């Protein structure tokens, strides 16, 4: 094989490799651009522009219709510039998102930590127990409080139990309804009997309005 044939083979290899890279990177840029259009518009547009520079069909269309072509060296420079701009816009978008509330500021974090430290450990434990009783066992507000302070129950102080009741996140109407359905399905009680059991001081200790809500929605 003479030198001329070797040079032709090398040129053919370089062209083939260039086409493969152009197609691969171009398709990847196009997919990324389309995806980013819905979240980061500017970055998505830049990615699509990069895809247009890389994809051979687009290059051919520009050459045929506009009679304009970009040399390999110029294309490389354009690609590098676009990648740099894309990186800068993605960094800016990330910084902007972090400032809009996805990550709390140091001041907010310190404030939250200070508030947590100001609450006695007993109060926190009582609140955790209250949440468990309310959301797992569907107990009433008064029932949870009595369980927290009972000498046969959790034995928390009255202050800790009150803190827990004041801060627990619970839907007492929903708890009353859950209890009512349980009495109806497992004990076959009448609505009137269920209402009395829900409001009884020796029973579930729900309020009248909570019990009324449960009976009204008993067959929903």
N, C-alpha and C. Protein backbone atom coordinates (compact mmCIF):
# COMPACT_ATOMS: atom_id res chain seq x y z
N UNK A 1 0.86 -1.19 0.00
CA UNK A 1 0.00 0.00 0.00
C UNK A 1 0.89 1.24 0.00
N UNK A 2 0.69 2.16 -1.01
CA UNK A 2 1.53 3.35 -1.10
C UNK A 2 1.07 4.41 -0.13
N UNK A 3 1.84 5.48 -0.03
CA UNK A 3 1.54 6.56 0.93
C UNK A 3 0.24 7.26 0.62
N UNK A 4 -0.07 7.42 -0.68
CA UNK A 4 -1.30 8.11 -1.05
C UNK A 4 -2.52 7.34 -0.56
N UNK A 5 -2.50 6.01 -0.72
CA UNK A 5 -3.62 5.20 -0.25
C UNK A 5 -3.74 5.23 1.26
N UNK A 6 -2.60 5.24 1.97
CA UNK A 6 -2.63 5.32 3.42
C UNK A 6 -3.25 6.62 3.88
N UNK A 7 -2.89 7.72 3.23
CA UNK A 7 -3.44 9.02 3.59
C UNK A 7 -4.94 9.06 3.34
N UNK A 8 -5.39 8.45 2.22
CA UNK A 8 -6.81 8.42 1.94
C UNK A 8 -7.57 7.64 3.00
N UNK A 9 -6.99 6.50 3.43
CA UNK A 9 -7.63 5.68 4.46
C UNK A 9 -7.73 6.43 5.79
N UNK A 10 -6.67 7.17 6.15
CA UNK A 10 -6.69 7.94 7.39
C UNK A 10 -7.75 9.03 7.34
N UNK A 11 -7.85 9.70 6.18
CA UNK A 11 -8.84 10.75 6.04
C UNK A 11 -10.25 10.18 6.17
N UNK A 12 -10.43 8.98 5.51
CA UNK A 12 -11.74 8.34 5.59
C UNK A 12 -12.09 7.97 7.03
N UNK A 13 -11.11 7.50 7.79
CA UNK A 13 -11.33 7.14 9.20
C UNK A 13 -11.70 8.36 10.03
N UNK A 14 -11.01 9.47 9.80
CA UNK A 14 -11.30 10.69 10.55
C UNK A 14 -12.71 11.19 10.25
N UNK A 15 -13.09 11.15 8.97
CA UNK A 15 -14.42 11.61 8.59
C UNK A 15 -15.49 10.73 9.24
N UNK A 16 -15.28 9.44 9.21
CA UNK A 16 -16.24 8.51 9.81
C UNK A 16 -16.36 8.74 11.31
N UNK A 17 -15.26 8.91 11.99
CA UNK A 17 -15.27 9.17 13.42
C UNK A 17 -15.95 10.50 13.72
N UNK A 18 -15.67 11.48 12.88
CA UNK A 18 -16.31 12.79 13.08
C UNK A 18 -17.82 12.71 12.92
N UNK A 19 -18.27 11.95 11.94
CA UNK A 19 -19.70 11.79 11.73
C UNK A 19 -20.37 11.10 12.92
N UNK A 20 -19.70 10.06 13.41
CA UNK A 20 -20.25 9.32 14.56
C UNK A 20 -20.38 10.24 15.78
N UNK A 21 -19.34 11.03 16.03
CA UNK A 21 -19.37 11.95 17.18
C UNK A 21 -20.43 13.02 16.98
N UNK A 22 -20.52 13.55 15.75
CA UNK A 22 -21.51 14.59 15.47
C UNK A 22 -22.92 14.07 15.70
N UNK A 23 -23.19 12.86 15.19
CA UNK A 23 -24.51 12.27 15.38
C UNK A 23 -24.81 12.00 16.86
N UNK A 24 -23.86 11.38 17.53
CA UNK A 24 -24.07 11.02 18.93
C UNK A 24 -24.29 12.23 19.82
N UNK A 25 -23.39 13.19 19.72
CA UNK A 25 -23.49 14.39 20.56
C UNK A 25 -24.68 15.24 20.14
N UNK A 26 -24.95 15.28 18.85
CA UNK A 26 -26.07 16.08 18.36
C UNK A 26 -27.40 15.56 18.86
N UNK A 27 -27.59 14.25 18.77
CA UNK A 27 -28.84 13.65 19.25
C UNK A 27 -28.99 13.85 20.76
N UNK A 28 -27.90 13.66 21.50
CA UNK A 28 -27.93 13.85 22.95
C UNK A 28 -28.29 15.30 23.29
N UNK A 29 -27.71 16.25 22.58
CA UNK A 29 -28.00 17.66 22.82
C UNK A 29 -29.46 17.98 22.49
N UNK A 30 -29.97 17.38 21.40
CA UNK A 30 -31.36 17.62 21.01
C UNK A 30 -32.33 17.10 22.06
N UNK A 31 -32.10 15.89 22.55
CA UNK A 31 -32.97 15.31 23.59
C UNK A 31 -32.91 16.14 24.86
N UNK A 32 -31.70 16.53 25.26
CA UNK A 32 -31.55 17.35 26.46
C UNK A 32 -32.23 18.71 26.29
N UNK A 33 -32.09 19.29 25.10
CA UNK A 33 -32.70 20.59 24.84
C UNK A 33 -34.21 20.54 24.94
N UNK A 34 -34.81 19.52 24.34
CA UNK A 34 -36.27 19.38 24.40
C UNK A 34 -36.75 19.21 25.84
N UNK A 35 -36.02 18.41 26.61
CA UNK A 35 -36.37 18.19 28.02
C UNK A 35 -36.25 19.47 28.84
N UNK A 36 -35.18 20.22 28.62
CA UNK A 36 -34.92 21.42 29.40
C UNK A 36 -35.84 22.58 29.04
N UNK A 37 -36.48 22.52 27.88
CA UNK A 37 -37.38 23.60 27.48
C UNK A 37 -38.50 23.80 28.49
N UNK A 38 -38.88 22.74 29.20
CA UNK A 38 -39.99 22.81 30.13
C UNK A 38 -39.57 23.29 31.52
N UNK A 39 -38.28 23.31 31.80
CA UNK A 39 -37.83 23.73 33.13
C UNK A 39 -36.83 24.88 33.08
N UNK A 40 -35.92 24.86 32.10
CA UNK A 40 -34.92 25.91 31.96
C UNK A 40 -34.89 26.33 30.49
N UNK A 41 -35.75 27.28 30.16
CA UNK A 41 -36.00 27.64 28.76
C UNK A 41 -34.73 28.05 28.02
N UNK A 42 -33.95 28.96 28.60
CA UNK A 42 -32.76 29.46 27.93
C UNK A 42 -31.76 28.34 27.68
N UNK A 43 -31.54 27.52 28.69
CA UNK A 43 -30.62 26.39 28.54
C UNK A 43 -31.11 25.42 27.47
N UNK A 44 -32.42 25.18 27.44
CA UNK A 44 -32.98 24.29 26.44
C UNK A 44 -32.77 24.81 25.02
N UNK A 45 -32.95 26.13 24.83
CA UNK A 45 -32.74 26.73 23.51
C UNK A 45 -31.28 26.60 23.09
N UNK A 46 -30.38 26.84 24.02
CA UNK A 46 -28.95 26.73 23.71
C UNK A 46 -28.56 25.30 23.37
N UNK A 47 -29.17 24.34 24.06
CA UNK A 47 -28.88 22.93 23.76
C UNK A 47 -29.38 22.56 22.37
N UNK A 48 -30.53 23.08 21.97
CA UNK A 48 -31.04 22.81 20.63
C UNK A 48 -30.17 23.47 19.57
N UNK A 49 -29.64 24.66 19.89
CA UNK A 49 -28.72 25.32 18.96
C UNK A 49 -27.45 24.50 18.79
N UNK A 50 -26.97 23.94 19.91
CA UNK A 50 -25.79 23.08 19.85
C UNK A 50 -26.07 21.85 19.00
N UNK A 51 -27.27 21.27 19.15
CA UNK A 51 -27.64 20.11 18.34
C UNK A 51 -27.66 20.46 16.86
N UNK A 52 -28.15 21.66 16.55
CA UNK A 52 -28.20 22.10 15.16
C UNK A 52 -26.80 22.22 14.56
N UNK A 53 -25.85 22.69 15.37
CA UNK A 53 -24.48 22.83 14.89
C UNK A 53 -23.84 21.46 14.66
N UNK A 54 -24.20 20.49 15.50
CA UNK A 54 -23.54 19.19 15.44
C UNK A 54 -24.16 18.23 14.42
N UNK A 55 -25.46 18.23 14.27
CA UNK A 55 -26.12 17.21 13.46
C UNK A 55 -25.82 17.39 11.96
N UNK A 56 -25.33 16.35 11.31
CA UNK A 56 -24.99 16.43 9.88
C UNK A 56 -26.16 16.84 8.98
N UNK A 57 -27.39 16.34 9.20
CA UNK A 57 -28.49 16.75 8.32
C UNK A 57 -28.74 18.25 8.34
N UNK A 58 -28.61 18.85 9.53
CA UNK A 58 -28.81 20.29 9.65
C UNK A 58 -27.70 21.03 8.89
N UNK A 59 -26.47 20.55 9.06
CA UNK A 59 -25.35 21.15 8.34
C UNK A 59 -25.58 21.07 6.83
N UNK A 60 -26.06 19.93 6.36
CA UNK A 60 -26.29 19.74 4.92
C UNK A 60 -27.40 20.67 4.43
N UNK A 61 -28.46 20.81 5.24
CA UNK A 61 -29.56 21.68 4.86
C UNK A 61 -29.09 23.13 4.73
N UNK A 62 -28.29 23.59 5.69
CA UNK A 62 -27.77 24.95 5.66
C UNK A 62 -26.87 25.15 4.44
N UNK A 63 -26.06 24.14 4.15
CA UNK A 63 -25.15 24.25 3.00
C UNK A 63 -25.93 24.30 1.68
N UNK A 64 -26.96 23.43 1.56
CA UNK A 64 -27.73 23.36 0.31
C UNK A 64 -28.63 24.56 0.11
N UNK A 65 -29.28 25.01 1.18
CA UNK A 65 -30.28 26.07 1.03
C UNK A 65 -29.67 27.46 1.17
N UNK A 66 -28.72 27.61 2.07
CA UNK A 66 -28.16 28.93 2.33
C UNK A 66 -26.77 29.10 1.73
N UNK A 67 -26.26 28.01 1.18
CA UNK A 67 -24.92 28.05 0.58
C UNK A 67 -23.88 28.57 1.57
N UNK A 68 -24.00 28.04 2.79
CA UNK A 68 -23.08 28.46 3.85
C UNK A 68 -22.68 27.22 4.62
N UNK A 69 -21.40 27.08 4.85
CA UNK A 69 -20.91 25.92 5.59
C UNK A 69 -19.88 26.36 6.63
N UNK A 70 -19.80 25.57 7.69
CA UNK A 70 -18.86 25.85 8.77
C UNK A 70 -17.74 24.84 8.71
N UNK A 71 -16.52 25.31 8.73
CA UNK A 71 -15.37 24.41 8.69
C UNK A 71 -15.27 23.64 10.00
N UNK A 72 -14.52 22.56 9.97
CA UNK A 72 -14.37 21.75 11.17
C UNK A 72 -13.79 22.52 12.34
N UNK A 73 -12.78 23.36 12.07
CA UNK A 73 -12.17 24.14 13.14
C UNK A 73 -13.13 25.14 13.73
N UNK A 74 -13.90 25.85 12.87
CA UNK A 74 -14.86 26.84 13.36
C UNK A 74 -15.99 26.16 14.13
N UNK A 75 -16.42 24.99 13.63
CA UNK A 75 -17.47 24.26 14.33
C UNK A 75 -17.01 23.87 15.73
N UNK A 76 -15.76 23.45 15.85
CA UNK A 76 -15.22 23.08 17.16
C UNK A 76 -15.25 24.28 18.11
N UNK A 77 -14.86 25.46 17.60
CA UNK A 77 -14.86 26.67 18.43
C UNK A 77 -16.28 27.02 18.87
N UNK A 78 -17.23 26.94 17.93
CA UNK A 78 -18.63 27.26 18.25
C UNK A 78 -19.17 26.31 19.31
N UNK A 79 -18.85 25.01 19.17
CA UNK A 79 -19.32 24.02 20.14
C UNK A 79 -18.77 24.32 21.53
N UNK A 80 -17.49 24.65 21.61
CA UNK A 80 -16.87 24.96 22.91
C UNK A 80 -17.53 26.18 23.53
N UNK A 81 -17.78 27.20 22.71
CA UNK A 81 -18.43 28.42 23.23
C UNK A 81 -19.84 28.11 23.74
N UNK A 82 -20.60 27.35 22.96
CA UNK A 82 -21.96 27.01 23.39
C UNK A 82 -21.97 26.19 24.67
N UNK A 83 -21.03 25.25 24.78
CA UNK A 83 -20.94 24.46 26.01
C UNK A 83 -20.64 25.33 27.22
N UNK A 84 -19.77 26.32 27.03
CA UNK A 84 -19.46 27.23 28.12
C UNK A 84 -20.65 28.05 28.53
N UNK A 85 -21.40 28.57 27.55
CA UNK A 85 -22.59 29.36 27.84
C UNK A 85 -23.66 28.51 28.52
N UNK A 86 -23.83 27.28 28.03
CA UNK A 86 -24.82 26.36 28.63
C UNK A 86 -24.46 26.07 30.08
N UNK A 87 -23.18 25.82 30.33
CA UNK A 87 -22.74 25.56 31.71
C UNK A 87 -23.02 26.75 32.61
N UNK A 88 -22.81 27.95 32.09
CA UNK A 88 -23.05 29.17 32.88
C UNK A 88 -24.53 29.34 33.18
N UNK A 89 -25.39 29.10 32.20
CA UNK A 89 -26.83 29.27 32.42
C UNK A 89 -27.38 28.22 33.38
N UNK A 90 -26.86 27.00 33.30
CA UNK A 90 -27.31 25.95 34.22
C UNK A 90 -26.89 26.28 35.63
N UNK A 91 -25.70 26.82 35.81
CA UNK A 91 -25.23 27.22 37.13
C UNK A 91 -26.07 28.35 37.69
N UNK A 92 -26.45 29.30 36.82
CA UNK A 92 -27.28 30.43 37.25
C UNK A 92 -28.66 29.95 37.66
N UNK A 93 -29.24 29.02 36.88
CA UNK A 93 -30.56 28.50 37.22
C UNK A 93 -30.53 27.75 38.54
N UNK A 94 -29.46 26.99 38.77
CA UNK A 94 -29.33 26.24 40.02
C UNK A 94 -29.24 27.17 41.21
N UNK A 95 -28.46 28.24 41.06
CA UNK A 95 -28.32 29.22 42.14
C UNK A 95 -29.64 29.91 42.41
N UNK A 96 -30.36 30.24 41.35
CA UNK A 96 -31.64 30.91 41.49
C UNK A 96 -32.64 30.03 42.22
N UNK A 97 -32.66 28.74 41.88
CA UNK A 97 -33.59 27.82 42.54
C UNK A 97 -33.29 27.67 44.01
N UNK A 98 -32.01 27.67 44.37
CA UNK A 98 -31.64 27.52 45.77
C UNK A 98 -32.04 28.72 46.58
N UNK A 99 -32.13 29.90 45.92
CA UNK A 99 -32.50 31.11 46.64
C UNK A 99 -34.00 31.28 46.77
N UNK A 100 -34.79 30.51 45.98
CA UNK A 100 -36.23 30.69 46.01
C UNK A 100 -36.91 29.81 47.05
N UNK A 101 -36.15 29.10 47.85
CA UNK A 101 -36.76 28.41 48.97
C UNK A 101 -36.52 26.92 49.03
N UNK A 102 -35.85 26.34 48.04
CA UNK A 102 -35.60 24.91 48.11
C UNK A 102 -34.60 24.57 49.21
N UNK A 103 -33.73 25.51 49.53
CA UNK A 103 -32.75 25.31 50.59
C UNK A 103 -32.89 26.46 51.59
N UNK A 104 -33.14 26.21 52.85
CA UNK A 104 -33.30 27.29 53.81
C UNK A 104 -32.01 28.04 54.01
N UNK A 105 -32.14 29.34 54.28
CA UNK A 105 -30.97 30.16 54.52
C UNK A 105 -30.35 29.81 55.87
N UNK A 106 -29.12 30.24 56.08
CA UNK A 106 -28.45 29.96 57.35
C UNK A 106 -29.21 30.60 58.51
N UNK A 107 -29.76 31.80 58.27
CA UNK A 107 -30.52 32.48 59.32
C UNK A 107 -31.76 31.69 59.69
N UNK A 108 -32.47 31.18 58.68
CA UNK A 108 -33.66 30.38 58.96
C UNK A 108 -33.31 29.10 59.68
N UNK A 109 -32.22 28.46 59.25
CA UNK A 109 -31.79 27.21 59.89
C UNK A 109 -31.43 27.44 61.36
N UNK A 110 -30.72 28.53 61.62
CA UNK A 110 -30.33 28.83 62.99
C UNK A 110 -31.55 29.14 63.85
N UNK A 111 -32.54 29.84 63.23
CA UNK A 111 -33.75 30.18 63.97
C UNK A 111 -34.52 28.92 64.33
N UNK A 112 -34.64 28.01 63.35
CA UNK A 112 -35.36 26.75 63.60
C UNK A 112 -34.66 25.93 64.68
N UNK A 113 -33.34 25.89 64.60
CA UNK A 113 -32.58 25.13 65.60
C UNK A 113 -32.75 25.73 66.98
N UNK A 114 -32.75 27.07 67.06
CA UNK A 114 -32.93 27.75 68.35
C UNK A 114 -34.31 27.45 68.93
N UNK A 115 -35.34 27.45 68.03
CA UNK A 115 -36.69 27.16 68.50
C UNK A 115 -36.78 25.73 69.02
N UNK A 116 -36.14 24.79 68.31
CA UNK A 116 -36.15 23.39 68.75
C UNK A 116 -35.47 23.24 70.10
N UNK A 117 -34.36 23.95 70.28
CA UNK A 117 -33.63 23.84 71.53
C UNK A 117 -34.37 24.47 72.70
N UNK A 118 -35.30 25.39 72.40
CA UNK A 118 -36.04 26.05 73.48
C UNK A 118 -37.15 25.17 74.03
N UNK A 119 -37.48 24.09 73.33
CA UNK A 119 -38.55 23.18 73.77
C UNK A 119 -37.94 22.05 74.58
N UNK A 120 -38.39 21.85 75.81
CA UNK A 120 -37.84 20.76 76.64
C UNK A 120 -38.01 19.40 75.97
N UNK A 121 -37.10 18.53 76.26
CA UNK A 121 -37.11 17.20 75.66
C UNK A 121 -38.39 16.45 76.00
N UNK A 122 -38.89 16.63 77.22
CA UNK A 122 -40.12 15.95 77.64
C UNK A 122 -41.30 16.37 76.75
N UNK A 123 -41.33 17.66 76.41
CA UNK A 123 -42.42 18.18 75.59
C UNK A 123 -42.37 17.54 74.19
N UNK A 124 -41.16 17.41 73.64
CA UNK A 124 -41.00 16.80 72.33
C UNK A 124 -41.45 15.33 72.35
N UNK A 125 -41.08 14.64 73.42
CA UNK A 125 -41.47 13.23 73.54
C UNK A 125 -42.98 13.10 73.66
N UNK A 126 -43.58 13.99 74.43
CA UNK A 126 -45.04 13.97 74.58
C UNK A 126 -45.73 14.24 73.25
N UNK A 127 -45.17 15.15 72.46
CA UNK A 127 -45.74 15.46 71.15
C UNK A 127 -45.65 14.25 70.21
N UNK A 128 -44.54 13.55 70.25
CA UNK A 128 -44.38 12.36 69.42
C UNK A 128 -45.37 11.27 69.81
N UNK A 129 -45.57 11.12 71.12
CA UNK A 129 -46.54 10.12 71.59
C UNK A 129 -47.96 10.53 71.18
N UNK A 130 -48.26 11.81 71.31
CA UNK A 130 -49.59 12.30 70.95
C UNK A 130 -49.88 12.05 69.47
N UNK A 131 -48.90 12.29 68.63
CA UNK A 131 -49.07 12.05 67.20
C UNK A 131 -49.33 10.58 66.92
N UNK A 132 -48.64 9.72 67.66
CA UNK A 132 -48.83 8.28 67.48
C UNK A 132 -50.23 7.85 67.89
N UNK A 133 -50.68 8.31 69.03
CA UNK A 133 -52.03 7.95 69.50
C UNK A 133 -53.11 8.52 68.57
N UNK A 134 -52.91 9.76 68.14
CA UNK A 134 -53.93 10.42 67.32
C UNK A 134 -54.01 9.84 65.92
N UNK A 135 -52.87 9.61 65.30
CA UNK A 135 -52.85 9.24 63.89
C UNK A 135 -52.80 7.74 63.64
N UNK A 136 -52.42 6.98 64.67
CA UNK A 136 -52.37 5.53 64.50
C UNK A 136 -53.57 4.84 65.14
N UNK A 137 -53.95 5.33 66.32
CA UNK A 137 -55.05 4.71 67.05
C UNK A 137 -56.35 5.50 66.95
N UNK A 138 -56.31 6.64 66.27
CA UNK A 138 -57.51 7.47 66.02
C UNK A 138 -58.23 7.88 67.31
N UNK A 139 -57.44 8.24 68.30
CA UNK A 139 -58.03 8.66 69.57
C UNK A 139 -58.48 10.11 69.52
N UNK A 140 -59.35 10.49 70.44
CA UNK A 140 -59.84 11.87 70.53
C UNK A 140 -58.79 12.74 71.21
N UNK A 141 -59.00 14.05 71.12
CA UNK A 141 -58.06 14.97 71.76
C UNK A 141 -58.01 14.74 73.26
N UNK A 142 -59.18 14.64 73.89
CA UNK A 142 -59.22 14.42 75.33
C UNK A 142 -58.66 13.05 75.68
N UNK A 143 -58.93 12.07 74.83
CA UNK A 143 -58.41 10.72 75.07
C UNK A 143 -56.89 10.69 75.01
N UNK A 144 -56.32 11.41 74.07
CA UNK A 144 -54.86 11.47 73.96
C UNK A 144 -54.27 12.15 75.18
N UNK A 145 -54.88 13.27 75.58
CA UNK A 145 -54.36 14.00 76.75
C UNK A 145 -54.38 13.11 78.00
N UNK A 146 -55.52 12.46 78.23
CA UNK A 146 -55.64 11.61 79.42
C UNK A 146 -54.62 10.47 79.40
N UNK A 147 -54.35 9.92 78.22
CA UNK A 147 -53.38 8.85 78.11
C UNK A 147 -51.97 9.35 78.40
N UNK A 148 -51.68 10.57 77.98
CA UNK A 148 -50.35 11.14 78.21
C UNK A 148 -50.07 11.37 79.69
N UNK A 149 -51.08 11.82 80.43
CA UNK A 149 -50.85 12.18 81.84
C UNK A 149 -51.18 11.03 82.80
N UNK A 150 -51.81 9.97 82.31
CA UNK A 150 -52.24 8.89 83.19
C UNK A 150 -51.06 8.21 83.88
N UNK A 151 -51.25 7.91 85.16
CA UNK A 151 -50.21 7.19 85.89
C UNK A 151 -50.13 5.74 85.43
N UNK A 152 -51.16 5.28 84.73
CA UNK A 152 -51.13 3.94 84.15
C UNK A 152 -50.77 3.99 82.66
N UNK A 153 -50.55 5.21 82.19
CA UNK A 153 -50.21 5.39 80.79
C UNK A 153 -48.80 5.93 80.61
N UNK A 154 -48.69 7.15 80.04
CA UNK A 154 -47.37 7.69 79.70
C UNK A 154 -46.72 8.50 80.82
N UNK A 155 -47.51 8.99 81.78
CA UNK A 155 -47.00 9.69 82.97
C UNK A 155 -46.23 10.99 82.64
N UNK A 156 -46.64 11.67 81.58
CA UNK A 156 -46.05 12.97 81.29
C UNK A 156 -46.65 14.01 82.22
N UNK A 157 -45.94 15.12 82.39
CA UNK A 157 -46.48 16.22 83.18
C UNK A 157 -47.65 16.86 82.44
N UNK A 158 -48.51 17.55 83.17
CA UNK A 158 -49.66 18.21 82.55
C UNK A 158 -49.22 19.24 81.53
N UNK A 159 -48.14 19.94 81.82
CA UNK A 159 -47.64 20.98 80.90
C UNK A 159 -47.15 20.35 79.60
N UNK A 160 -46.42 19.23 79.70
CA UNK A 160 -45.92 18.56 78.51
C UNK A 160 -47.07 18.01 77.68
N UNK A 161 -48.08 17.43 78.36
CA UNK A 161 -49.23 16.88 77.66
C UNK A 161 -50.01 17.99 76.95
N UNK A 162 -50.15 19.14 77.61
CA UNK A 162 -50.88 20.25 76.99
C UNK A 162 -50.13 20.79 75.78
N UNK A 163 -48.82 20.87 75.90
CA UNK A 163 -48.00 21.29 74.75
C UNK A 163 -48.22 20.34 73.58
N UNK A 164 -48.25 19.06 73.87
CA UNK A 164 -48.44 18.06 72.82
C UNK A 164 -49.80 18.22 72.15
N UNK A 165 -50.83 18.41 72.95
CA UNK A 165 -52.18 18.56 72.40
C UNK A 165 -52.29 19.82 71.56
N UNK A 166 -51.63 20.88 72.01
CA UNK A 166 -51.70 22.15 71.29
C UNK A 166 -50.95 22.11 69.96
N UNK A 167 -49.99 21.21 69.83
CA UNK A 167 -49.13 21.21 68.65
C UNK A 167 -49.27 19.98 67.76
N UNK A 168 -49.98 18.98 68.21
CA UNK A 168 -50.11 17.77 67.39
C UNK A 168 -50.97 18.06 66.16
N UNK A 169 -50.59 17.48 65.05
CA UNK A 169 -51.35 17.63 63.81
C UNK A 169 -52.27 16.43 63.67
N UNK A 170 -53.56 16.67 63.86
CA UNK A 170 -54.51 15.56 63.79
C UNK A 170 -55.86 16.09 63.32
N UNK A 171 -56.62 15.22 62.66
CA UNK A 171 -57.98 15.54 62.23
C UNK A 171 -58.92 14.79 63.16
N UNK A 172 -59.44 15.51 64.15
CA UNK A 172 -60.25 14.85 65.18
C UNK A 172 -61.57 14.35 64.61
N UNK A 173 -62.15 15.07 63.65
CA UNK A 173 -63.37 14.59 63.00
C UNK A 173 -63.12 13.25 62.30
N UNK A 174 -61.99 13.18 61.60
CA UNK A 174 -61.64 11.94 60.91
C UNK A 174 -61.41 10.81 61.90
N UNK A 175 -60.82 11.13 63.04
CA UNK A 175 -60.60 10.11 64.07
C UNK A 175 -61.93 9.58 64.60
N UNK A 176 -62.88 10.51 64.84
CA UNK A 176 -64.20 10.10 65.33
C UNK A 176 -64.89 9.20 64.31
N UNK A 177 -64.78 9.54 63.03
CA UNK A 177 -65.39 8.74 61.98
C UNK A 177 -64.75 7.35 61.91
N UNK A 178 -63.43 7.30 62.04
CA UNK A 178 -62.74 6.01 62.00
C UNK A 178 -63.20 5.12 63.15
N UNK A 179 -63.34 5.70 64.33
CA UNK A 179 -63.81 4.93 65.49
C UNK A 179 -65.24 4.47 65.28
N UNK A 180 -66.08 5.37 64.73
CA UNK A 180 -67.48 5.02 64.50
C UNK A 180 -67.61 3.85 63.53
N UNK A 181 -66.84 3.88 62.45
CA UNK A 181 -66.89 2.79 61.48
C UNK A 181 -66.41 1.48 62.09
N UNK A 182 -65.42 1.59 63.00
CA UNK A 182 -64.92 0.40 63.67
C UNK A 182 -66.01 -0.24 64.55
N UNK A 183 -66.74 0.61 65.30
CA UNK A 183 -67.83 0.08 66.14
C UNK A 183 -68.94 -0.52 65.28
N UNK A 184 -69.22 0.12 64.15
CA UNK A 184 -70.28 -0.37 63.28
C UNK A 184 -69.90 -1.70 62.63
N UNK A 185 -68.67 -1.81 62.17
CA UNK A 185 -68.26 -2.99 61.40
C UNK A 185 -67.88 -4.18 62.26
N UNK A 186 -67.32 -3.91 63.45
CA UNK A 186 -66.86 -5.03 64.28
C UNK A 186 -67.84 -5.41 65.39
N UNK A 187 -68.65 -4.41 65.84
CA UNK A 187 -69.56 -4.68 66.95
C UNK A 187 -71.03 -4.51 66.56
N UNK A 188 -71.26 -4.11 65.30
CA UNK A 188 -72.64 -3.97 64.78
C UNK A 188 -73.51 -3.09 65.67
N UNK A 189 -72.95 -1.99 66.14
CA UNK A 189 -73.70 -1.07 67.00
C UNK A 189 -74.58 -0.15 66.17
N UNK A 190 -75.62 0.37 66.79
CA UNK A 190 -76.52 1.31 66.12
C UNK A 190 -75.88 2.69 66.09
N UNK A 191 -76.33 3.59 65.20
CA UNK A 191 -75.79 4.95 65.18
C UNK A 191 -75.91 5.67 66.51
N UNK A 192 -77.06 5.51 67.18
CA UNK A 192 -77.24 6.16 68.47
C UNK A 192 -76.27 5.59 69.51
N UNK A 193 -76.10 4.28 69.49
CA UNK A 193 -75.17 3.65 70.42
C UNK A 193 -73.73 4.08 70.14
N UNK A 194 -73.40 4.19 68.87
CA UNK A 194 -72.06 4.63 68.50
C UNK A 194 -71.83 6.06 68.95
N UNK A 195 -72.84 6.92 68.76
CA UNK A 195 -72.71 8.33 69.18
C UNK A 195 -72.44 8.42 70.67
N UNK A 196 -73.20 7.65 71.45
CA UNK A 196 -73.01 7.67 72.91
C UNK A 196 -71.62 7.18 73.29
N UNK A 197 -71.15 6.15 72.60
CA UNK A 197 -69.82 5.61 72.91
C UNK A 197 -68.73 6.62 72.56
N UNK A 198 -68.93 7.34 71.46
CA UNK A 198 -67.93 8.32 71.04
C UNK A 198 -67.80 9.47 72.04
N UNK A 199 -68.93 9.89 72.62
CA UNK A 199 -68.91 11.06 73.51
C UNK A 199 -68.78 10.68 74.99
N UNK A 200 -68.86 9.40 75.30
CA UNK A 200 -68.85 8.99 76.70
C UNK A 200 -67.52 9.32 77.38
N UNK A 201 -67.62 9.78 78.65
CA UNK A 201 -66.42 10.07 79.44
C UNK A 201 -65.67 8.79 79.75
N UNK A 202 -66.37 7.67 79.72
CA UNK A 202 -65.73 6.37 79.94
C UNK A 202 -65.44 5.65 78.63
N UNK A 203 -65.72 6.35 77.53
CA UNK A 203 -65.50 5.77 76.22
C UNK A 203 -64.42 6.52 75.45
N UNK A 204 -64.81 7.07 74.28
CA UNK A 204 -63.81 7.68 73.40
C UNK A 204 -63.54 9.16 73.68
N UNK A 205 -64.48 9.85 74.35
CA UNK A 205 -64.28 11.24 74.79
C UNK A 205 -64.16 12.24 73.64
N UNK A 206 -64.86 11.97 72.54
CA UNK A 206 -64.93 12.96 71.48
C UNK A 206 -65.95 14.03 71.85
N UNK A 207 -65.86 15.18 71.22
CA UNK A 207 -66.84 16.24 71.45
C UNK A 207 -68.14 15.90 70.74
N UNK A 208 -69.22 16.62 71.11
CA UNK A 208 -70.51 16.38 70.46
C UNK A 208 -70.43 16.64 68.96
N UNK A 209 -69.77 17.72 68.57
CA UNK A 209 -69.69 18.05 67.15
C UNK A 209 -68.88 17.00 66.37
N UNK A 210 -67.83 16.47 66.99
CA UNK A 210 -67.03 15.43 66.33
C UNK A 210 -67.83 14.15 66.18
N UNK A 211 -68.61 13.81 67.20
CA UNK A 211 -69.45 12.62 67.14
C UNK A 211 -70.56 12.80 66.10
N UNK A 212 -71.14 14.00 66.06
CA UNK A 212 -72.19 14.29 65.05
C UNK A 212 -71.62 14.12 63.64
N UNK A 213 -70.43 14.63 63.43
CA UNK A 213 -69.79 14.50 62.12
C UNK A 213 -69.62 13.03 61.75
N UNK A 214 -69.17 12.23 62.72
CA UNK A 214 -68.94 10.80 62.46
C UNK A 214 -70.24 10.10 62.06
N UNK A 215 -71.32 10.39 62.77
CA UNK A 215 -72.60 9.74 62.47
C UNK A 215 -73.13 10.18 61.12
N UNK A 216 -72.97 11.47 60.78
CA UNK A 216 -73.44 11.97 59.50
C UNK A 216 -72.73 11.31 58.32
N UNK A 217 -71.46 10.93 58.51
CA UNK A 217 -70.68 10.35 57.42
C UNK A 217 -70.43 8.87 57.61
N UNK A 218 -71.19 8.26 58.47
CA UNK A 218 -70.95 6.87 58.82
C UNK A 218 -71.08 5.93 57.62
N UNK A 219 -71.97 6.23 56.72
CA UNK A 219 -72.21 5.35 55.58
C UNK A 219 -71.67 5.90 54.26
N UNK A 220 -70.76 6.86 54.34
CA UNK A 220 -70.16 7.43 53.13
C UNK A 220 -69.27 6.39 52.44
